[in-house]
Amino acid sequence: MTEQLATTPFGRRQVTLGQIATGMQVREAIEAASQPGSNIPAAVNKWA
C-alpha cells in the first residue's frame, strides 16, 4: 500500500470540494494510463 502526497494548502488557506474533485480526476487519469495495455496518453502542446 502506498502513501499519497498531501494536497491540502499551507497556512490559512482552506481546502475546497472542487480541489478534492480535481485531485480525484487527476489520480483516476494517471491510474487509467498506468494500467497494463493502456495506450500512453498523447502529449499536449502547452502553448496550443
All heavy atoms as atom14 arrays in JSON, in Angstrom:
{
  "sequence": "MTEQLATTPFGRRQVTLGQIATGMQVREAIEAASQPGSNIPAAVNKWA",
  "atom14_mask": [
    [1, 1, 1, 1, 1, 1, 1, 1, 0, 0, 0, 0, 0, 0],
    [1, 1, 1, 1, 1, 1, 1, 0, 0, 0, 0, 0, 0, 0],
    [1, 1, 1, 1, 1, 1, 1, 1, 1, 0, 0, 0, 0, 0],
    [1, 1, 1, 1, 1, 1, 1, 1, 1, 0, 0, 0, 0, 0],
    [1, 1, 1, 1, 1, 1, 1, 1, 0, 0, 0, 0, 0, 0],
    [1, 1, 1, 1, 1, 0, 0, 0, 0, 0, 0, 0, 0, 0],
    [1, 1, 1, 1, 1, 1, 1, 0, 0, 0, 0, 0, 0, 0],
    [1, 1, 1, 1, 1, 1, 1, 0, 0, 0, 0, 0, 0, 0],
    [1, 1, 1, 1, 1, 1, 1, 0, 0, 0, 0, 0, 0, 0],
    [1, 1, 1, 1, 1, 1, 1, 1, 1, 1, 1, 0, 0, 0],
    [1, 1, 1, 1, 0, 0, 0, 0, 0, 0, 0, 0, 0, 0],
    [1, 1, 1, 1, 1, 1, 1, 1, 1, 1, 1, 0, 0, 0],
    [1, 1, 1, 1, 1, 1, 1, 1, 1, 1, 1, 0, 0, 0],
    [1, 1, 1, 1, 1, 1, 1, 1, 1, 0, 0, 0, 0, 0],
    [1, 1, 1, 1, 1, 1, 1, 0, 0, 0, 0, 0, 0, 0],
    [1, 1, 1, 1, 1, 1, 1, 0, 0, 0, 0, 0, 0, 0],
    [1, 1, 1, 1, 1, 1, 1, 1, 0, 0, 0, 0, 0, 0],
    [1, 1, 1, 1, 0, 0, 0, 0, 0, 0, 0, 0, 0, 0],
    [1, 1, 1, 1, 1, 1, 1, 1, 1, 0, 0, 0, 0, 0],
    [1, 1, 1, 1, 1, 1, 1, 1, 0, 0, 0, 0, 0, 0],
    [1, 1, 1, 1, 1, 0, 0, 0, 0, 0, 0, 0, 0, 0],
    [1, 1, 1, 1, 1, 1, 1, 0, 0, 0, 0, 0, 0, 0],
    [1, 1, 1, 1, 0, 0, 0, 0, 0, 0, 0, 0, 0, 0],
    [1, 1, 1, 1, 1, 1, 1, 1, 0, 0, 0, 0, 0, 0],
    [1, 1, 1, 1, 1, 1, 1, 1, 1, 0, 0, 0, 0, 0],
    [1, 1, 1, 1, 1, 1, 1, 0, 0, 0, 0, 0, 0, 0],
    [1, 1, 1, 1, 1, 1, 1, 1, 1, 1, 1, 0, 0, 0],
    [1, 1, 1, 1, 1, 1, 1, 1, 1, 0, 0, 0, 0, 0],
    [1, 1, 1, 1, 1, 0, 0, 0, 0, 0, 0, 0, 0, 0],
    [1, 1, 1, 1, 1, 1, 1, 1, 0, 0, 0, 0, 0, 0],
    [1, 1, 1, 1, 1, 1, 1, 1, 1, 0, 0, 0, 0, 0],
    [1, 1, 1, 1, 1, 0, 0, 0, 0, 0, 0, 0, 0, 0],
    [1, 1, 1, 1, 1, 0, 0, 0, 0, 0, 0, 0, 0, 0],
    [1, 1, 1, 1, 1, 1, 0, 0, 0, 0, 0, 0, 0, 0],
    [1, 1, 1, 1, 1, 1, 1, 1, 1, 0, 0, 0, 0, 0],
    [1, 1, 1, 1, 1, 1, 1, 0, 0, 0, 0, 0, 0, 0],
    [1, 1, 1, 1, 0, 0, 0, 0, 0, 0, 0, 0, 0, 0],
    [1, 1, 1, 1, 1, 1, 0, 0, 0, 0, 0, 0, 0, 0],
    [1, 1, 1, 1, 1, 1, 1, 1, 0, 0, 0, 0, 0, 0],
    [1, 1, 1, 1, 1, 1, 1, 1, 0, 0, 0, 0, 0, 0],
    [1, 1, 1, 1, 1, 1, 1, 0, 0, 0, 0, 0, 0, 0],
    [1, 1, 1, 1, 1, 0, 0, 0, 0, 0, 0, 0, 0, 0],
    [1, 1, 1, 1, 1, 0, 0, 0, 0, 0, 0, 0, 0, 0],
    [1, 1, 1, 1, 1, 1, 1, 0, 0, 0, 0, 0, 0, 0],
    [1, 1, 1, 1, 1, 1, 1, 1, 0, 0, 0, 0, 0, 0],
    [1, 1, 1, 1, 1, 1, 1, 1, 1, 0, 0, 0, 0, 0],
    [1, 1, 1, 1, 1, 1, 1, 1, 1, 1, 1, 1, 1, 1],
    [1, 1, 1, 1, 1, 0, 0, 0, 0, 0, 0, 0, 0, 0]
  ],
  "atom14_positions": [
    [[0.85, -1.19, 0.0], [0.0, 0.0, 0.0], [0.88, 1.24, 0.0], [1.86, 1.31, 0.73], [-0.94, 0.01, 1.21], [-1.89, 1.19, 1.24], [-3.06, 1.05, 2.6], [-3.97, 2.57, 2.34], [0.0, 0.0, 0.0], [0.0, 0.0, 0.0], [0.0, 0.0, 0.0], [0.0, 0.0, 0.0], [0.0, 0.0, 0.0], [0.0, 0.0, 0.0]],
    [[0.53, 2.22, -0.8], [1.35, 3.41, -0.92], [0.7, 4.58, -0.23], [-0.51, 4.62, -0.01], [1.55, 3.76, -2.4], [0.28, 3.93, -2.99], [2.3, 2.65, -3.11], [0.0, 0.0, 0.0], [0.0, 0.0, 0.0], [0.0, 0.0, 0.0], [0.0, 0.0, 0.0], [0.0, 0.0, 0.0], [0.0, 0.0, 0.0], [0.0, 0.0, 0.0]],
    [[1.5, 5.58, 0.08], [1.01, 6.77, 0.77], [0.89, 7.92, -0.21], [1.78, 8.15, -1.02], [2.02, 7.13, 1.88], [1.6, 8.37, 2.66], [2.67, 8.76, 3.66], [3.7, 8.05, 3.71], [2.49, 9.76, 4.37], [0.0, 0.0, 0.0], [0.0, 0.0, 0.0], [0.0, 0.0, 0.0], [0.0, 0.0, 0.0], [0.0, 0.0, 0.0]],
    [[-0.22, 8.62, -0.12], [-0.44, 9.73, -1.03], [0.18, 11.01, -0.49], [0.23, 11.23, 0.73], [-1.94, 9.95, -1.25], [-2.54, 8.98, -2.21], [-3.92, 9.42, -2.63], [-4.54, 10.23, -1.97], [-4.38, 8.89, -3.74], [0.0, 0.0, 0.0], [0.0, 0.0, 0.0], [0.0, 0.0, 0.0], [0.0, 0.0, 0.0], [0.0, 0.0, 0.0]],
    [[0.63, 11.84, -1.4], [1.19, 13.13, -1.0], [0.06, 14.05, -0.58], [-0.99, 14.12, -1.24], [1.95, 13.74, -2.17], [2.72, 15.04, -1.87], [3.88, 14.74, -0.95], [3.22, 15.66, -3.17], [0.0, 0.0, 0.0], [0.0, 0.0, 0.0], [0.0, 0.0, 0.0], [0.0, 0.0, 0.0], [0.0, 0.0, 0.0], [0.0, 0.0, 0.0]],
    [[0.23, 14.77, 0.51], [-0.81, 15.68, 1.0], [-1.06, 16.79, -0.02], [-0.12, 17.34, -0.6], [-0.38, 16.27, 2.34], [0.0, 0.0, 0.0], [0.0, 0.0, 0.0], [0.0, 0.0, 0.0], [0.0, 0.0, 0.0], [0.0, 0.0, 0.0], [0.0, 0.0, 0.0], [0.0, 0.0, 0.0], [0.0, 0.0, 0.0], [0.0, 0.0, 0.0]],
    [[-2.33, 17.11, -0.24], [-2.7, 18.13, -1.22], [-3.4, 19.32, -0.57], [-3.88, 20.19, -1.27], [-3.64, 17.54, -2.28], [-4.77, 16.96, -1.63], [-2.92, 16.48, -3.09], [0.0, 0.0, 0.0], [0.0, 0.0, 0.0], [0.0, 0.0, 0.0], [0.0, 0.0, 0.0], [0.0, 0.0, 0.0], [0.0, 0.0, 0.0], [0.0, 0.0, 0.0]],
    [[-3.49, 19.34, 0.75], [-4.11, 20.48, 1.42], [-3.15, 21.67, 1.41], [-1.93, 21.49, 1.51], [-4.48, 20.13, 2.87], [-3.31, 19.63, 3.54], [-5.57, 19.07, 2.89], [0.0, 0.0, 0.0], [0.0, 0.0, 0.0], [0.0, 0.0, 0.0], [0.0, 0.0, 0.0], [0.0, 0.0, 0.0], [0.0, 0.0, 0.0], [0.0, 0.0, 0.0]],
    [[-3.68, 22.87, 1.3], [-2.79, 24.05, 1.21], [-2.17, 24.4, 2.55], [-2.68, 24.05, 3.62], [-3.74, 25.15, 0.72], [-5.09, 24.73, 1.19], [-5.1, 23.23, 1.15], [0.0, 0.0, 0.0], [0.0, 0.0, 0.0], [0.0, 0.0, 0.0], [0.0, 0.0, 0.0], [0.0, 0.0, 0.0], [0.0, 0.0, 0.0], [0.0, 0.0, 0.0]],
    [[-1.07, 25.12, 2.48], [-0.34, 25.55, 3.68], [-0.99, 26.82, 4.24], [-1.55, 27.64, 3.51], [1.12, 25.81, 3.32], [1.92, 26.44, 4.43], [2.39, 25.68, 5.48], [2.18, 27.8, 4.42], [3.13, 26.25, 6.5], [2.91, 28.39, 5.43], [3.39, 27.62, 6.48], [0.0, 0.0, 0.0], [0.0, 0.0, 0.0], [0.0, 0.0, 0.0]],
    [[-0.88, 26.99, 5.55], [-1.32, 28.23, 6.18], [-2.83, 28.31, 6.36], [-3.5, 27.31, 6.64], [0.0, 0.0, 0.0], [0.0, 0.0, 0.0], [0.0, 0.0, 0.0], [0.0, 0.0, 0.0], [0.0, 0.0, 0.0], [0.0, 0.0, 0.0], [0.0, 0.0, 0.0], [0.0, 0.0, 0.0], [0.0, 0.0, 0.0], [0.0, 0.0, 0.0]],
    [[-3.38, 29.51, 6.19], [-4.79, 29.75, 6.47], [-5.7, 29.37, 5.31], [-6.92, 29.4, 5.45], [-5.01, 31.23, 6.81], [-4.27, 31.69, 8.06], [-4.56, 33.15, 8.34], [-3.86, 33.61, 9.53], [-3.93, 34.86, 10.0], [-4.66, 35.77, 9.36], [-3.28, 35.19, 11.09], [0.0, 0.0, 0.0], [0.0, 0.0, 0.0], [0.0, 0.0, 0.0]],
    [[-5.13, 29.06, 4.18], [-5.96, 28.69, 3.04], [-6.69, 27.38, 3.33], [-6.09, 26.44, 3.86], [-5.12, 28.55, 1.77], [-4.58, 29.86, 1.24], [-3.91, 29.66, -0.11], [-2.71, 28.84, 0.0], [-1.5, 29.31, 0.2], [-1.3, 30.62, 0.28], [-0.45, 28.49, 0.3], [0.0, 0.0, 0.0], [0.0, 0.0, 0.0], [0.0, 0.0, 0.0]],
    [[-7.97, 27.34, 2.97], [-8.8, 26.17, 3.22], [-8.92, 25.33, 1.95], [-8.93, 25.85, 0.84], [-10.2, 26.6, 3.68], [-10.22, 27.41, 4.96], [-9.74, 26.58, 6.15], [-10.01, 25.39, 6.26], [-9.0, 27.23, 7.05], [0.0, 0.0, 0.0], [0.0, 0.0, 0.0], [0.0, 0.0, 0.0], [0.0, 0.0, 0.0], [0.0, 0.0, 0.0]],
    [[-9.03, 24.02, 2.12], [-9.25, 23.13, 1.0], [-10.73, 23.16, 0.65], [-11.6, 23.35, 1.52], [-8.8, 21.7, 1.34], [-9.69, 21.07, 2.4], [-8.78, 20.84, 0.08], [0.0, 0.0, 0.0], [0.0, 0.0, 0.0], [0.0, 0.0, 0.0], [0.0, 0.0, 0.0], [0.0, 0.0, 0.0], [0.0, 0.0, 0.0], [0.0, 0.0, 0.0]],
    [[-11.04, 23.01, -0.62], [-12.43, 23.04, -1.09], [-12.77, 21.71, -1.75], [-11.88, 20.93, -2.13], [-12.64, 24.18, -2.09], [-11.84, 23.95, -3.27], [-12.27, 25.52, -1.49], [0.0, 0.0, 0.0], [0.0, 0.0, 0.0], [0.0, 0.0, 0.0], [0.0, 0.0, 0.0], [0.0, 0.0, 0.0], [0.0, 0.0, 0.0], [0.0, 0.0, 0.0]],
    [[-14.07, 21.47, -1.9], [-14.51, 20.25, -2.57], [-14.07, 20.24, -4.03], [-13.82, 19.18, -4.6], [-16.04, 20.14, -2.47], [-16.6, 19.88, -1.07], [-18.12, 19.84, -1.12], [-16.07, 18.56, -0.5], [0.0, 0.0, 0.0], [0.0, 0.0, 0.0], [0.0, 0.0, 0.0], [0.0, 0.0, 0.0], [0.0, 0.0, 0.0], [0.0, 0.0, 0.0]],
    [[-13.99, 21.42, -4.63], [-13.53, 21.49, -6.02], [-12.1, 21.02, -6.16], [-11.75, 20.31, -7.11], [0.0, 0.0, 0.0], [0.0, 0.0, 0.0], [0.0, 0.0, 0.0], [0.0, 0.0, 0.0], [0.0, 0.0, 0.0], [0.0, 0.0, 0.0], [0.0, 0.0, 0.0], [0.0, 0.0, 0.0], [0.0, 0.0, 0.0], [0.0, 0.0, 0.0]],
    [[-11.24, 21.37, -5.19], [-9.86, 20.92, -5.23], [-9.77, 19.41, -5.02], [-8.95, 18.73, -5.66], [-9.04, 21.66, -4.17], [-8.94, 23.16, -4.43], [-8.26, 23.9, -3.3], [-7.71, 23.29, -2.39], [-8.31, 25.22, -3.33], [0.0, 0.0, 0.0], [0.0, 0.0, 0.0], [0.0, 0.0, 0.0], [0.0, 0.0, 0.0], [0.0, 0.0, 0.0]],
    [[-10.62, 18.88, -4.15], [-10.63, 17.43, -3.94], [-11.09, 16.73, -5.21], [-10.52, 15.7, -5.61], [-11.55, 17.09, -2.75], [-10.95, 17.67, -1.45], [-11.73, 15.58, -2.64], [-11.83, 17.45, -0.24], [0.0, 0.0, 0.0], [0.0, 0.0, 0.0], [0.0, 0.0, 0.0], [0.0, 0.0, 0.0], [0.0, 0.0, 0.0], [0.0, 0.0, 0.0]],
    [[-12.12, 17.29, -5.89], [-12.59, 16.69, -7.14], [-11.51, 16.73, -8.21], [-11.33, 15.77, -8.97], [-13.85, 17.42, -7.62], [0.0, 0.0, 0.0], [0.0, 0.0, 0.0], [0.0, 0.0, 0.0], [0.0, 0.0, 0.0], [0.0, 0.0, 0.0], [0.0, 0.0, 0.0], [0.0, 0.0, 0.0], [0.0, 0.0, 0.0], [0.0, 0.0, 0.0]],
    [[-10.76, 17.83, -8.28], [-9.66, 17.91, -9.25], [-8.6, 16.87, -8.96], [-8.07, 16.21, -9.87], [-9.05, 19.32, -9.23], [-10.05, 20.29, -9.55], [-7.9, 19.43, -10.23], [0.0, 0.0, 0.0], [0.0, 0.0, 0.0], [0.0, 0.0, 0.0], [0.0, 0.0, 0.0], [0.0, 0.0, 0.0], [0.0, 0.0, 0.0], [0.0, 0.0, 0.0]],
    [[-8.27, 16.68, -7.68], [-7.29, 15.66, -7.32], [-7.75, 14.26, -7.68], [-6.97, 13.43, -8.16], [0.0, 0.0, 0.0], [0.0, 0.0, 0.0], [0.0, 0.0, 0.0], [0.0, 0.0, 0.0], [0.0, 0.0, 0.0], [0.0, 0.0, 0.0], [0.0, 0.0, 0.0], [0.0, 0.0, 0.0], [0.0, 0.0, 0.0], [0.0, 0.0, 0.0]],
    [[-9.05, 13.98, -7.45], [-9.58, 12.67, -7.83], [-9.51, 12.47, -9.34], [-9.15, 11.39, -9.81], [-11.03, 12.55, -7.36], [-11.19, 12.5, -5.85], [-12.94, 12.52, -5.36], [-13.55, 11.1, -6.25], [0.0, 0.0, 0.0], [0.0, 0.0, 0.0], [0.0, 0.0, 0.0], [0.0, 0.0, 0.0], [0.0, 0.0, 0.0], [0.0, 0.0, 0.0]],
    [[-9.84, 13.51, -10.11], [-9.8, 13.4, -11.57], [-8.38, 13.14, -12.05], [-8.16, 12.3, -12.95], [-10.35, 14.68, -12.19], [-10.51, 14.63, -13.7], [-11.11, 15.92, -14.24], [-11.28, 16.9, -13.52], [-11.42, 15.92, -15.53], [0.0, 0.0, 0.0], [0.0, 0.0, 0.0], [0.0, 0.0, 0.0], [0.0, 0.0, 0.0], [0.0, 0.0, 0.0]],
    [[-7.41, 13.81, -11.46], [-6.01, 13.6, -11.84], [-5.57, 12.19, -11.49], [-4.94, 11.48, -12.3], [-5.11, 14.65, -11.17], [-3.64, 14.29, -11.35], [-5.4, 16.03, -11.72], [0.0, 0.0, 0.0], [0.0, 0.0, 0.0], [0.0, 0.0, 0.0], [0.0, 0.0, 0.0], [0.0, 0.0, 0.0], [0.0, 0.0, 0.0], [0.0, 0.0, 0.0]],
    [[-5.89, 11.73, -10.28], [-5.45, 10.4, -9.85], [-6.07, 9.31, -10.71], [-5.4, 8.35, -11.1], [-5.83, 10.2, -8.38], [-5.28, 8.91, -7.79], [-5.43, 8.88, -6.28], [-6.82, 8.9, -5.88], [-7.44, 9.97, -5.33], [-6.75, 11.11, -5.17], [-8.69, 9.92, -4.96], [0.0, 0.0, 0.0], [0.0, 0.0, 0.0], [0.0, 0.0, 0.0]],
    [[-7.36, 9.45, -11.04], [-8.01, 8.43, -11.86], [-7.42, 8.4, -13.27], [-7.26, 7.33, -13.87], [-9.51, 8.71, -11.93], [-10.24, 8.49, -10.61], [-11.68, 8.96, -10.65], [-12.08, 9.49, -11.72], [-12.39, 8.82, -9.65], [0.0, 0.0, 0.0], [0.0, 0.0, 0.0], [0.0, 0.0, 0.0], [0.0, 0.0, 0.0], [0.0, 0.0, 0.0]],
    [[-7.08, 9.58, -13.82], [-6.49, 9.61, -15.15], [-5.12, 8.95, -15.16], [-4.77, 8.2, -16.09], [-6.39, 11.05, -15.64], [0.0, 0.0, 0.0], [0.0, 0.0, 0.0], [0.0, 0.0, 0.0], [0.0, 0.0, 0.0], [0.0, 0.0, 0.0], [0.0, 0.0, 0.0], [0.0, 0.0, 0.0], [0.0, 0.0, 0.0], [0.0, 0.0, 0.0]],
    [[-4.32, 9.18, -14.12], [-2.99, 8.57, -14.06], [-3.1, 7.06, -13.87], [-2.36, 6.28, -14.47], [-2.17, 9.23, -12.94], [-1.88, 10.7, -13.28], [-0.87, 8.48, -12.72], [-1.12, 11.44, -12.22], [0.0, 0.0, 0.0], [0.0, 0.0, 0.0], [0.0, 0.0, 0.0], [0.0, 0.0, 0.0], [0.0, 0.0, 0.0], [0.0, 0.0, 0.0]],
    [[-4.05, 6.64, -13.03], [-4.24, 5.2, -12.82], [-4.66, 4.53, -14.11], [-4.19, 3.43, -14.45], [-5.27, 4.97, -11.73], [-4.79, 5.33, -10.33], [-5.89, 5.17, -9.3], [-7.05, 4.91, -9.71], [-5.6, 5.31, -8.1], [0.0, 0.0, 0.0], [0.0, 0.0, 0.0], [0.0, 0.0, 0.0], [0.0, 0.0, 0.0], [0.0, 0.0, 0.0]],
    [[-5.59, 5.16, -14.86], [-6.04, 4.57, -16.12], [-4.9, 4.48, -17.12], [-4.78, 3.51, -17.89], [-7.19, 5.39, -16.7], [0.0, 0.0, 0.0], [0.0, 0.0, 0.0], [0.0, 0.0, 0.0], [0.0, 0.0, 0.0], [0.0, 0.0, 0.0], [0.0, 0.0, 0.0], [0.0, 0.0, 0.0], [0.0, 0.0, 0.0], [0.0, 0.0, 0.0]],
    [[-4.03, 5.5, -17.15], [-2.9, 5.48, -18.09], [-1.85, 4.46, -17.69], [-1.08, 4.0, -18.53], [-2.28, 6.87, -18.17], [0.0, 0.0, 0.0], [0.0, 0.0, 0.0], [0.0, 0.0, 0.0], [0.0, 0.0, 0.0], [0.0, 0.0, 0.0], [0.0, 0.0, 0.0], [0.0, 0.0, 0.0], [0.0, 0.0, 0.0], [0.0, 0.0, 0.0]],
    [[-1.8, 4.09, -16.39], [-0.77, 3.16, -15.91], [-1.21, 1.72, -15.97], [-0.41, 0.83, -15.66], [-0.38, 3.52, -14.47], [0.11, 4.84, -14.39], [0.0, 0.0, 0.0], [0.0, 0.0, 0.0], [0.0, 0.0, 0.0], [0.0, 0.0, 0.0], [0.0, 0.0, 0.0], [0.0, 0.0, 0.0], [0.0, 0.0, 0.0], [0.0, 0.0, 0.0]],
    [[-2.46, 1.46, -16.33], [-2.94, 0.09, -16.4], [-2.26, -0.66, -17.54], [-1.93, -0.08, -18.58], [-4.45, 0.07, -16.59], [-5.23, 0.58, -15.4], [-5.02, -0.27, -14.16], [-4.86, -1.5, -14.24], [-4.97, 0.38, -13.01], [0.0, 0.0, 0.0], [0.0, 0.0, 0.0], [0.0, 0.0, 0.0], [0.0, 0.0, 0.0], [0.0, 0.0, 0.0]],
    [[-2.02, -1.97, -17.36], [-1.42, -2.76, -18.44], [-2.28, -2.73, -19.69], [-3.5, -2.84, -19.64], [-1.36, -4.18, -17.83], [-1.4, -3.97, -16.35], [-2.23, -2.76, -16.12], [0.0, 0.0, 0.0], [0.0, 0.0, 0.0], [0.0, 0.0, 0.0], [0.0, 0.0, 0.0], [0.0, 0.0, 0.0], [0.0, 0.0, 0.0], [0.0, 0.0, 0.0]],
    [[-1.64, -2.55, -20.82], [-2.35, -2.49, -22.08], [-2.93, -1.13, -22.42], [-3.5, -0.95, -23.5], [0.0, 0.0, 0.0], [0.0, 0.0, 0.0], [0.0, 0.0, 0.0], [0.0, 0.0, 0.0], [0.0, 0.0, 0.0], [0.0, 0.0, 0.0], [0.0, 0.0, 0.0], [0.0, 0.0, 0.0], [0.0, 0.0, 0.0], [0.0, 0.0, 0.0]],
    [[-2.81, -0.18, -21.49], [-3.35, 1.15, -21.75], [-2.42, 1.91, -22.69], [-1.19, 1.82, -22.59], [-3.5, 1.93, -20.45], [-3.87, 3.26, -20.71], [0.0, 0.0, 0.0], [0.0, 0.0, 0.0], [0.0, 0.0, 0.0], [0.0, 0.0, 0.0], [0.0, 0.0, 0.0], [0.0, 0.0, 0.0], [0.0, 0.0, 0.0], [0.0, 0.0, 0.0]],
    [[-3.03, 2.65, -23.6], [-2.23, 3.46, -24.52], [-1.6, 4.63, -23.78], [-2.23, 5.25, -22.92], [-3.1, 3.99, -25.66], [-3.58, 2.87, -26.55], [-2.89, 1.88, -26.73], [-4.77, 3.03, -27.11], [0.0, 0.0, 0.0], [0.0, 0.0, 0.0], [0.0, 0.0, 0.0], [0.0, 0.0, 0.0], [0.0, 0.0, 0.0], [0.0, 0.0, 0.0]],
    [[-0.39, 4.95, -24.12], [0.26, 6.11, -23.49], [-0.47, 7.37, -23.95], [-0.72, 7.56, -25.14], [1.74, 6.18, -23.9], [2.47, 4.93, -23.41], [2.39, 7.44, -23.34], [3.92, 4.87, -23.82], [0.0, 0.0, 0.0], [0.0, 0.0, 0.0], [0.0, 0.0, 0.0], [0.0, 0.0, 0.0], [0.0, 0.0, 0.0], [0.0, 0.0, 0.0]],
    [[-0.87, 8.23, -23.03], [-1.63, 9.41, -23.44], [-0.84, 10.31, -24.36], [0.37, 10.47, -24.22], [-1.93, 10.12, -22.1], [-0.88, 9.6, -21.16], [-0.6, 8.19, -21.6], [0.0, 0.0, 0.0], [0.0, 0.0, 0.0], [0.0, 0.0, 0.0], [0.0, 0.0, 0.0], [0.0, 0.0, 0.0], [0.0, 0.0, 0.0], [0.0, 0.0, 0.0]],
    [[-1.51, 10.85, -25.33], [-0.86, 11.74, -26.28], [-0.37, 13.0, -25.58], [-0.99, 13.48, -24.63], [-1.82, 12.1, -27.41], [0.0, 0.0, 0.0], [0.0, 0.0, 0.0], [0.0, 0.0, 0.0], [0.0, 0.0, 0.0], [0.0, 0.0, 0.0], [0.0, 0.0, 0.0], [0.0, 0.0, 0.0], [0.0, 0.0, 0.0], [0.0, 0.0, 0.0]],
    [[0.73, 13.52, -26.04], [1.28, 14.74, -25.45], [0.43, 15.94, -25.84], [-0.17, 15.98, -26.92], [2.72, 14.93, -25.91], [0.0, 0.0, 0.0], [0.0, 0.0, 0.0], [0.0, 0.0, 0.0], [0.0, 0.0, 0.0], [0.0, 0.0, 0.0], [0.0, 0.0, 0.0], [0.0, 0.0, 0.0], [0.0, 0.0, 0.0], [0.0, 0.0, 0.0]],
    [[0.4, 16.92, -24.96], [-0.36, 18.15, -25.19], [0.63, 19.29, -25.32], [1.48, 19.49, -24.45], [-1.33, 18.41, -24.02], [-2.05, 19.74, -24.21], [-2.33, 17.28, -23.88], [0.0, 0.0, 0.0], [0.0, 0.0, 0.0], [0.0, 0.0, 0.0], [0.0, 0.0, 0.0], [0.0, 0.0, 0.0], [0.0, 0.0, 0.0], [0.0, 0.0, 0.0]],
    [[0.55, 20.02, -26.42], [1.39, 21.19, -26.59], [0.91, 22.29, -25.64], [-0.23, 22.74, -25.71], [1.32, 21.69, -28.04], [2.31, 22.81, -28.3], [2.2, 23.9, -27.75], [3.26, 22.55, -29.18], [0.0, 0.0, 0.0], [0.0, 0.0, 0.0], [0.0, 0.0, 0.0], [0.0, 0.0, 0.0], [0.0, 0.0, 0.0], [0.0, 0.0, 0.0]],
    [[1.77, 22.69, -24.72], [1.32, 23.61, -23.68], [0.9, 24.96, -24.23], [-0.02, 25.59, -23.7], [2.4, 23.78, -22.62], [3.72, 24.39, -23.13], [4.74, 24.5, -22.01], [6.04, 25.12, -22.49], [7.05, 25.21, -21.4], [0.0, 0.0, 0.0], [0.0, 0.0, 0.0], [0.0, 0.0, 0.0], [0.0, 0.0, 0.0], [0.0, 0.0, 0.0]],
    [[1.54, 25.41, -25.31], [1.18, 26.73, -25.83], [-0.1, 26.66, -26.65], [-0.88, 27.61, -26.65], [2.34, 27.29, -26.67], [3.6, 27.45, -25.88], [4.82, 26.92, -26.14], [3.75, 28.18, -24.65], [5.73, 27.26, -25.19], [5.11, 28.04, -24.25], [2.9, 28.92, -23.86], [5.61, 28.63, -23.1], [3.4, 29.51, -22.69], [4.73, 29.36, -22.34]],
    [[-0.32, 25.53, -27.34], [-1.62, 25.37, -28.03], [-2.74, 25.3, -27.01], [-3.83, 25.87, -27.21], [-1.59, 24.11, -28.89], [0.0, 0.0, 0.0], [0.0, 0.0, 0.0], [0.0, 0.0, 0.0], [0.0, 0.0, 0.0], [0.0, 0.0, 0.0], [0.0, 0.0, 0.0], [0.0, 0.0, 0.0], [0.0, 0.0, 0.0], [0.0, 0.0, 0.0]]
  ]
}
